[in-house]
Amino acid sequence: MKEGTFYVTEAEESSAVLRDVTDGQVHTLADNPGVEAGALVEATLEPEPPMEVVWIAEVDRTFTVEVARTEEPPTQRARETAAGQSVGEITRHERAGTGEVHVLTVPDGETESAVADVLEDEATVERAGRLGVERVEIRAEPGVVSVRYLP
């Protein structure tokens, strides 16, 4: 038996594939308990006898994570963090309460590309699931991308 939060990587009418947001382990379900690709589920999985090669899921909660870019600029703290690190580096700050803020320093001309990568990356949603948040806000200005994981 395994309990946790899982990202739905694939969902068909008759089955689904889940990836554990903590350890990355992939689980193929014997049937689809009503989940859609791209969602997160909090569930308990058990291997289906007798061969135990597929799993049965008891889903406690299904939710999606809103990932969006905002026109708000990065905070002063994010700007200062970015100025103090080399291009290509990332710094993580805990937020007061739940969540984190990730500050990425990127080449000025590649800021929009970096924002697009964060918006499209499944890892952004998985990380939100791991942190227990349902919203990701991306703020950017040339050379700085701030990814805010918010409740």
N, C-alpha and C. Protein backbone atom coordinates (compact mmCIF):
# COMPACT_ATOMS: atom_id res chain seq x y z
N MET A 1 0.84 -1.17 0.00
CA MET A 1 0.00 0.00 0.00
C MET A 1 0.89 1.24 0.00
N LYS A 2 0.44 2.27 -0.71
CA LYS A 2 1.20 3.51 -0.80
C LYS A 2 0.22 4.68 -0.77
N GLU A 3 0.45 5.62 0.14
CA GLU A 3 -0.37 6.82 0.24
C GLU A 3 0.46 8.01 -0.21
N GLY A 4 -0.20 8.98 -0.87
CA GLY A 4 0.54 10.17 -1.26
C GLY A 4 -0.22 11.03 -2.23
N THR A 5 0.53 11.95 -2.81
CA THR A 5 0.01 12.84 -3.84
C THR A 5 0.64 12.42 -5.16
N PHE A 6 -0.18 12.30 -6.19
CA PHE A 6 0.26 11.78 -7.47
C PHE A 6 -0.18 12.71 -8.60
N TYR A 7 0.68 12.85 -9.61
CA TYR A 7 0.38 13.61 -10.81
C TYR A 7 -0.14 12.63 -11.85
N VAL A 8 -1.27 12.95 -12.49
CA VAL A 8 -1.85 12.08 -13.51
C VAL A 8 -1.16 12.39 -14.84
N THR A 9 -0.27 11.48 -15.26
CA THR A 9 0.47 11.71 -16.50
C THR A 9 -0.34 11.32 -17.73
N GLU A 10 -1.17 10.30 -17.59
CA GLU A 10 -2.02 9.84 -18.69
C GLU A 10 -3.34 9.35 -18.12
N ALA A 11 -4.41 9.58 -18.85
CA ALA A 11 -5.72 9.09 -18.42
C ALA A 11 -6.54 8.70 -19.64
N GLU A 12 -6.98 7.48 -19.64
CA GLU A 12 -7.87 6.97 -20.67
C GLU A 12 -9.13 6.49 -19.97
N GLU A 13 -10.12 6.11 -20.74
CA GLU A 13 -11.37 5.66 -20.14
C GLU A 13 -11.16 4.44 -19.23
N SER A 14 -10.25 3.55 -19.64
CA SER A 14 -10.11 2.29 -18.91
C SER A 14 -8.90 2.22 -17.97
N SER A 15 -8.02 3.22 -17.98
CA SER A 15 -6.86 3.17 -17.09
C SER A 15 -6.26 4.57 -16.95
N ALA A 16 -5.31 4.67 -16.03
CA ALA A 16 -4.60 5.93 -15.83
C ALA A 16 -3.20 5.62 -15.33
N VAL A 17 -2.30 6.57 -15.54
CA VAL A 17 -0.93 6.42 -15.06
C VAL A 17 -0.64 7.59 -14.13
N LEU A 18 -0.17 7.26 -12.94
CA LEU A 18 0.12 8.27 -11.92
C LEU A 18 1.61 8.27 -11.62
N ARG A 19 2.15 9.48 -11.32
CA ARG A 19 3.55 9.59 -10.88
C ARG A 19 3.55 10.24 -9.50
N ASP A 20 4.21 9.58 -8.56
CA ASP A 20 4.33 10.09 -7.20
C ASP A 20 5.12 11.40 -7.23
N VAL A 21 4.58 12.47 -6.64
CA VAL A 21 5.26 13.77 -6.69
C VAL A 21 6.46 13.82 -5.75
N THR A 22 6.56 12.85 -4.84
CA THR A 22 7.68 12.83 -3.90
C THR A 22 8.87 12.04 -4.43
N ASP A 23 8.61 10.83 -4.92
CA ASP A 23 9.74 9.97 -5.32
C ASP A 23 9.81 9.70 -6.83
N GLY A 24 8.82 10.16 -7.59
CA GLY A 24 8.84 9.98 -9.04
C GLY A 24 8.42 8.61 -9.53
N GLN A 25 8.07 7.71 -8.61
CA GLN A 25 7.68 6.36 -9.01
C GLN A 25 6.38 6.42 -9.82
N VAL A 26 6.32 5.61 -10.88
CA VAL A 26 5.17 5.59 -11.78
C VAL A 26 4.31 4.37 -11.47
N HIS A 27 2.98 4.59 -11.45
CA HIS A 27 2.03 3.53 -11.13
C HIS A 27 0.95 3.49 -12.20
N THR A 28 0.77 2.34 -12.84
CA THR A 28 -0.30 2.15 -13.82
C THR A 28 -1.50 1.59 -13.08
N LEU A 29 -2.65 2.24 -13.24
CA LEU A 29 -3.86 1.80 -12.55
C LEU A 29 -4.62 0.79 -13.38
N ALA A 30 -5.27 -0.15 -12.71
CA ALA A 30 -6.07 -1.18 -13.36
C ALA A 30 -7.30 -0.59 -14.04
N ASP A 31 -7.81 0.52 -13.49
CA ASP A 31 -8.92 1.23 -14.11
C ASP A 31 -8.77 2.72 -13.81
N ASN A 32 -9.57 3.52 -14.45
CA ASN A 32 -9.52 4.96 -14.22
C ASN A 32 -10.59 5.32 -13.19
N PRO A 33 -10.17 5.82 -12.03
CA PRO A 33 -11.15 6.18 -10.99
C PRO A 33 -11.79 7.55 -11.21
N GLY A 34 -11.77 8.05 -12.46
CA GLY A 34 -12.39 9.33 -12.76
C GLY A 34 -11.42 10.50 -12.78
N VAL A 35 -10.16 10.23 -13.08
CA VAL A 35 -9.15 11.29 -13.09
C VAL A 35 -8.81 11.71 -14.52
N GLU A 36 -8.28 12.92 -14.67
CA GLU A 36 -7.89 13.43 -15.98
C GLU A 36 -6.41 13.77 -15.98
N ALA A 37 -5.78 13.64 -17.13
CA ALA A 37 -4.36 13.97 -17.27
C ALA A 37 -4.12 15.42 -16.86
N GLY A 38 -3.04 15.63 -16.13
CA GLY A 38 -2.67 16.96 -15.68
C GLY A 38 -3.16 17.30 -14.29
N ALA A 39 -4.03 16.47 -13.73
CA ALA A 39 -4.56 16.71 -12.39
C ALA A 39 -3.63 16.11 -11.34
N LEU A 40 -3.86 16.50 -10.11
CA LEU A 40 -3.18 15.89 -8.97
C LEU A 40 -4.23 15.15 -8.15
N VAL A 41 -3.82 14.02 -7.58
CA VAL A 41 -4.73 13.27 -6.72
C VAL A 41 -4.02 12.91 -5.42
N GLU A 42 -4.77 12.99 -4.34
CA GLU A 42 -4.31 12.44 -3.07
C GLU A 42 -5.02 11.11 -2.97
N ALA A 43 -4.23 10.03 -2.86
CA ALA A 43 -4.84 8.71 -2.95
C ALA A 43 -4.03 7.67 -2.18
N THR A 44 -4.68 6.54 -2.00
CA THR A 44 -4.03 5.35 -1.46
C THR A 44 -4.03 4.32 -2.58
N LEU A 45 -2.86 3.79 -2.91
CA LEU A 45 -2.73 2.80 -3.97
C LEU A 45 -2.40 1.44 -3.36
N GLU A 46 -2.99 0.41 -3.95
CA GLU A 46 -2.67 -0.96 -3.56
C GLU A 46 -2.47 -1.78 -4.81
N PRO A 47 -1.47 -2.68 -4.80
CA PRO A 47 -1.28 -3.54 -5.97
C PRO A 47 -2.47 -4.49 -6.13
N GLU A 48 -2.88 -4.70 -7.39
CA GLU A 48 -4.00 -5.59 -7.64
C GLU A 48 -3.52 -7.02 -7.72
N PRO A 49 -4.08 -7.91 -6.88
CA PRO A 49 -3.70 -9.32 -6.94
C PRO A 49 -4.24 -9.95 -8.22
N PRO A 50 -3.76 -11.06 -8.70
CA PRO A 50 -2.71 -11.85 -8.06
C PRO A 50 -1.30 -11.46 -8.51
N MET A 51 -1.18 -10.80 -9.66
CA MET A 51 0.17 -10.54 -10.19
C MET A 51 0.79 -9.27 -9.63
N GLU A 52 -0.04 -8.35 -9.13
CA GLU A 52 0.43 -7.11 -8.52
C GLU A 52 1.31 -6.27 -9.44
N VAL A 53 0.93 -6.20 -10.73
CA VAL A 53 1.67 -5.37 -11.68
C VAL A 53 0.94 -4.07 -11.99
N VAL A 54 -0.35 -4.01 -11.66
CA VAL A 54 -1.11 -2.77 -11.77
C VAL A 54 -1.67 -2.43 -10.40
N TRP A 55 -2.14 -1.21 -10.26
CA TRP A 55 -2.57 -0.72 -8.95
C TRP A 55 -4.05 -0.36 -8.95
N ILE A 56 -4.65 -0.41 -7.79
CA ILE A 56 -6.01 0.03 -7.56
C ILE A 56 -5.90 1.30 -6.71
N ALA A 57 -6.64 2.34 -7.07
CA ALA A 57 -6.54 3.61 -6.35
C ALA A 57 -7.83 3.92 -5.61
N GLU A 58 -7.67 4.32 -4.36
CA GLU A 58 -8.77 4.90 -3.59
C GLU A 58 -8.45 6.39 -3.49
N VAL A 59 -9.17 7.18 -4.26
CA VAL A 59 -8.88 8.61 -4.37
C VAL A 59 -9.60 9.37 -3.26
N ASP A 60 -8.83 10.13 -2.49
CA ASP A 60 -9.39 10.96 -1.43
C ASP A 60 -9.75 12.35 -1.95
N ARG A 61 -8.93 12.85 -2.88
CA ARG A 61 -9.11 14.22 -3.37
C ARG A 61 -8.45 14.36 -4.72
N THR A 62 -9.11 15.05 -5.63
CA THR A 62 -8.55 15.38 -6.93
C THR A 62 -8.54 16.90 -7.05
N PHE A 63 -7.44 17.46 -7.53
CA PHE A 63 -7.38 18.91 -7.70
C PHE A 63 -6.44 19.28 -8.83
N THR A 64 -6.61 20.49 -9.32
CA THR A 64 -5.73 21.00 -10.35
C THR A 64 -4.95 22.18 -9.77
N VAL A 65 -3.84 22.47 -10.40
CA VAL A 65 -3.01 23.59 -9.99
C VAL A 65 -3.08 24.65 -11.08
N GLU A 66 -3.42 25.85 -10.69
CA GLU A 66 -3.45 26.98 -11.62
C GLU A 66 -2.03 27.52 -11.75
N VAL A 67 -1.49 27.48 -12.96
CA VAL A 67 -0.16 28.03 -13.24
C VAL A 67 -0.35 29.19 -14.20
N ALA A 68 0.04 30.39 -13.77
CA ALA A 68 -0.21 31.57 -14.60
C ALA A 68 0.88 32.61 -14.42
N ARG A 69 1.08 33.35 -15.48
CA ARG A 69 1.98 34.49 -15.41
C ARG A 69 1.16 35.71 -15.03
N THR A 70 1.71 36.52 -14.17
CA THR A 70 1.07 37.77 -13.78
C THR A 70 1.90 38.93 -14.30
N GLU A 71 1.28 40.06 -14.47
CA GLU A 71 2.00 41.24 -14.93
C GLU A 71 2.73 41.94 -13.79
N GLU A 72 2.49 41.49 -12.56
CA GLU A 72 3.20 42.05 -11.41
C GLU A 72 4.69 41.79 -11.57
N PRO A 73 5.54 42.76 -11.22
CA PRO A 73 6.98 42.53 -11.29
C PRO A 73 7.45 41.67 -10.12
N PRO A 74 8.63 41.07 -10.23
CA PRO A 74 9.19 40.34 -9.09
C PRO A 74 9.32 41.28 -7.88
N THR A 75 9.25 40.73 -6.70
CA THR A 75 9.39 41.53 -5.49
C THR A 75 10.82 42.06 -5.36
N GLN A 76 11.00 43.02 -4.46
CA GLN A 76 12.34 43.56 -4.22
C GLN A 76 13.27 42.44 -3.75
N ARG A 77 12.78 41.56 -2.90
CA ARG A 77 13.61 40.45 -2.43
C ARG A 77 14.05 39.56 -3.58
N ALA A 78 13.14 39.27 -4.51
CA ALA A 78 13.48 38.44 -5.67
C ALA A 78 14.53 39.14 -6.54
N ARG A 79 14.36 40.43 -6.74
CA ARG A 79 15.35 41.18 -7.53
C ARG A 79 16.72 41.14 -6.87
N GLU A 80 16.76 41.34 -5.56
CA GLU A 80 18.03 41.33 -4.84
C GLU A 80 18.68 39.94 -4.89
N THR A 81 17.86 38.92 -4.75
CA THR A 81 18.37 37.55 -4.83
C THR A 81 18.98 37.29 -6.19
N ALA A 82 18.25 37.66 -7.25
CA ALA A 82 18.73 37.45 -8.62
C ALA A 82 20.03 38.21 -8.87
N ALA A 83 20.13 39.43 -8.35
CA ALA A 83 21.33 40.24 -8.55
C ALA A 83 22.54 39.62 -7.85
N GLY A 84 22.30 38.86 -6.80
CA GLY A 84 23.39 38.25 -6.05
C GLY A 84 23.79 36.86 -6.49
N GLN A 85 23.21 36.38 -7.56
CA GLN A 85 23.56 35.03 -8.04
C GLN A 85 23.90 35.06 -9.53
N SER A 86 24.61 34.05 -9.96
CA SER A 86 25.03 33.96 -11.36
C SER A 86 23.88 33.54 -12.25
N VAL A 87 23.99 33.86 -13.53
CA VAL A 87 23.00 33.42 -14.52
C VAL A 87 22.94 31.89 -14.48
N GLY A 88 21.73 31.37 -14.48
CA GLY A 88 21.52 29.93 -14.45
C GLY A 88 21.28 29.38 -13.05
N GLU A 89 21.48 30.20 -12.03
CA GLU A 89 21.27 29.74 -10.66
C GLU A 89 19.82 29.93 -10.24
N ILE A 90 19.42 29.14 -9.24
CA ILE A 90 18.09 29.25 -8.66
C ILE A 90 18.24 29.26 -7.14
N THR A 91 17.43 30.09 -6.50
CA THR A 91 17.39 30.15 -5.04
C THR A 91 15.96 29.93 -4.61
N ARG A 92 15.80 29.15 -3.55
CA ARG A 92 14.46 28.89 -3.01
C ARG A 92 14.32 29.61 -1.67
N HIS A 93 13.20 30.29 -1.49
CA HIS A 93 12.87 30.95 -0.23
C HIS A 93 11.55 30.37 0.26
N GLU A 94 11.47 30.11 1.56
CA GLU A 94 10.18 29.72 2.13
C GLU A 94 9.31 30.96 2.22
N ARG A 95 8.02 30.75 2.05
CA ARG A 95 7.07 31.84 2.24
C ARG A 95 6.56 31.79 3.66
N ALA A 96 6.09 32.92 4.14
CA ALA A 96 5.38 32.92 5.42
C ALA A 96 4.11 32.10 5.21
N GLY A 97 3.91 31.08 5.99
CA GLY A 97 2.76 30.21 5.78
C GLY A 97 3.14 29.05 4.88
N THR A 98 2.32 28.78 3.89
CA THR A 98 2.51 27.65 3.00
C THR A 98 3.12 28.09 1.68
N GLY A 99 4.03 27.28 1.14
CA GLY A 99 4.57 27.53 -0.19
C GLY A 99 6.03 27.93 -0.19
N GLU A 100 6.51 28.26 -1.39
CA GLU A 100 7.89 28.66 -1.60
C GLU A 100 7.93 29.68 -2.73
N VAL A 101 9.06 30.38 -2.81
CA VAL A 101 9.34 31.25 -3.93
C VAL A 101 10.67 30.81 -4.51
N HIS A 102 10.72 30.57 -5.81
CA HIS A 102 11.95 30.21 -6.51
C HIS A 102 12.36 31.39 -7.37
N VAL A 103 13.61 31.81 -7.24
CA VAL A 103 14.13 32.93 -8.02
C VAL A 103 15.18 32.40 -8.97
N LEU A 104 14.94 32.58 -10.27
CA LEU A 104 15.87 32.14 -11.30
C LEU A 104 16.51 33.36 -11.95
N THR A 105 17.82 33.30 -12.12
CA THR A 105 18.53 34.35 -12.84
C THR A 105 18.81 33.81 -14.25
N VAL A 106 18.31 34.53 -15.24
CA VAL A 106 18.43 34.09 -16.64
C VAL A 106 19.04 35.22 -17.46
N PRO A 107 19.61 34.92 -18.64
CA PRO A 107 20.08 36.00 -19.51
C PRO A 107 18.90 36.91 -19.87
N ASP A 108 19.14 38.21 -19.91
CA ASP A 108 18.07 39.18 -20.19
C ASP A 108 17.22 38.80 -21.41
N GLY A 109 17.85 38.37 -22.47
CA GLY A 109 17.14 38.05 -23.70
C GLY A 109 16.40 36.73 -23.68
N GLU A 110 16.54 35.97 -22.62
CA GLU A 110 15.89 34.65 -22.54
C GLU A 110 14.81 34.57 -21.46
N THR A 111 14.43 35.71 -20.93
CA THR A 111 13.43 35.73 -19.85
C THR A 111 12.11 35.13 -20.31
N GLU A 112 11.60 35.55 -21.45
CA GLU A 112 10.30 35.05 -21.92
C GLU A 112 10.35 33.55 -22.20
N SER A 113 11.45 33.07 -22.72
CA SER A 113 11.62 31.64 -22.96
C SER A 113 11.61 30.87 -21.64
N ALA A 114 12.27 31.42 -20.62
CA ALA A 114 12.30 30.77 -19.31
C ALA A 114 10.90 30.73 -18.70
N VAL A 115 10.14 31.81 -18.85
CA VAL A 115 8.77 31.85 -18.34
C VAL A 115 7.94 30.78 -19.05
N ALA A 116 8.07 30.67 -20.36
CA ALA A 116 7.32 29.66 -21.11
C ALA A 116 7.67 28.25 -20.65
N ASP A 117 8.95 28.01 -20.38
CA ASP A 117 9.38 26.69 -19.90
C ASP A 117 8.72 26.36 -18.57
N VAL A 118 8.68 27.32 -17.65
CA VAL A 118 8.05 27.09 -16.34
C VAL A 118 6.56 26.83 -16.51
N LEU A 119 5.91 27.60 -17.38
CA LEU A 119 4.47 27.44 -17.60
C LEU A 119 4.13 26.06 -18.15
N GLU A 120 4.98 25.51 -19.01
CA GLU A 120 4.69 24.25 -19.69
C GLU A 120 5.22 23.01 -18.98
N ASP A 121 6.06 23.18 -17.99
CA ASP A 121 6.75 22.05 -17.37
C ASP A 121 5.85 21.33 -16.35
N GLU A 122 5.65 20.01 -16.55
CA GLU A 122 4.88 19.21 -15.60
C GLU A 122 5.49 19.28 -14.21
N ALA A 123 6.79 19.46 -14.13
CA ALA A 123 7.47 19.52 -12.83
C ALA A 123 6.97 20.69 -11.98
N THR A 124 6.51 21.76 -12.63
CA THR A 124 5.96 22.89 -11.89
C THR A 124 4.72 22.45 -11.12
N VAL A 125 3.84 21.70 -11.77
CA VAL A 125 2.62 21.20 -11.13
C VAL A 125 2.96 20.16 -10.07
N GLU A 126 3.89 19.26 -10.37
CA GLU A 126 4.30 18.25 -9.40
C GLU A 126 4.87 18.89 -8.14
N ARG A 127 5.70 19.91 -8.32
CA ARG A 127 6.30 20.60 -7.17
C ARG A 127 5.19 21.26 -6.34
N ALA A 128 4.20 21.85 -6.99
CA ALA A 128 3.07 22.44 -6.28
C ALA A 128 2.36 21.38 -5.44
N GLY A 129 2.18 20.20 -6.02
CA GLY A 129 1.56 19.10 -5.27
C GLY A 129 2.38 18.69 -4.08
N ARG A 130 3.69 18.64 -4.26
CA ARG A 130 4.60 18.27 -3.18
C ARG A 130 4.55 19.31 -2.05
N LEU A 131 4.40 20.56 -2.43
CA LEU A 131 4.34 21.65 -1.44
C LEU A 131 2.95 21.83 -0.84
N GLY A 132 1.95 21.17 -1.42
CA GLY A 132 0.59 21.28 -0.90
C GLY A 132 -0.11 22.58 -1.26
N VAL A 133 0.23 23.13 -2.44
CA VAL A 133 -0.41 24.38 -2.88
C VAL A 133 -1.17 24.16 -4.17
N GLU A 134 -2.06 25.08 -4.50
CA GLU A 134 -2.90 24.92 -5.68
C GLU A 134 -2.77 26.05 -6.69
N ARG A 135 -1.78 26.92 -6.47
CA ARG A 135 -1.62 28.04 -7.38
C ARG A 135 -0.14 28.36 -7.54
N VAL A 136 0.28 28.60 -8.77
CA VAL A 136 1.66 28.99 -9.06
C VAL A 136 1.59 30.29 -9.86
N GLU A 137 2.27 31.30 -9.34
CA GLU A 137 2.28 32.61 -9.97
C GLU A 137 3.69 32.90 -10.45
N ILE A 138 3.80 33.28 -11.71
CA ILE A 138 5.12 33.59 -12.29
C ILE A 138 5.20 35.09 -12.53
N ARG A 139 6.25 35.69 -11.97
CA ARG A 139 6.52 37.11 -12.18
C ARG A 139 7.88 37.21 -12.87
N ALA A 140 8.02 38.16 -13.77
CA ALA A 140 9.29 38.24 -14.50
C ALA A 140 9.59 39.66 -14.93
N GLU A 141 10.87 39.91 -15.08
CA GLU A 141 11.40 41.10 -15.73
C GLU A 141 12.73 40.67 -16.32
N PRO A 142 13.31 41.43 -17.23
CA PRO A 142 14.53 40.98 -17.87
C PRO A 142 15.59 40.48 -16.87
N GLY A 143 15.96 39.21 -17.04
CA GLY A 143 16.99 38.60 -16.21
C GLY A 143 16.50 37.93 -14.94
N VAL A 144 15.23 38.11 -14.59
CA VAL A 144 14.71 37.58 -13.32
C VAL A 144 13.37 36.88 -13.57
N VAL A 145 13.26 35.64 -13.10
CA VAL A 145 11.98 34.92 -13.11
C VAL A 145 11.71 34.47 -11.68
N SER A 146 10.58 34.87 -11.15
CA SER A 146 10.16 34.51 -9.80
C SER A 146 8.95 33.58 -9.92
N VAL A 147 9.09 32.39 -9.34
CA VAL A 147 8.01 31.39 -9.38
C VAL A 147 7.50 31.24 -7.96
N ARG A 148 6.26 31.67 -7.77
CA ARG A 148 5.67 31.72 -6.43
C ARG A 148 4.66 30.59 -6.28
N TYR A 149 4.90 29.68 -5.35
CA TYR A 149 4.00 28.56 -5.06
C TYR A 149 3.11 28.99 -3.90
N LEU A 150 1.83 29.19 -4.20
CA LEU A 150 0.91 29.84 -3.26
C LEU A 150 -0.27 28.92 -2.90
N PRO A 151 -0.79 29.08 -1.67
CA PRO A 151 -1.95 28.26 -1.27
C PRO A 151 -3.21 28.67 -2.03
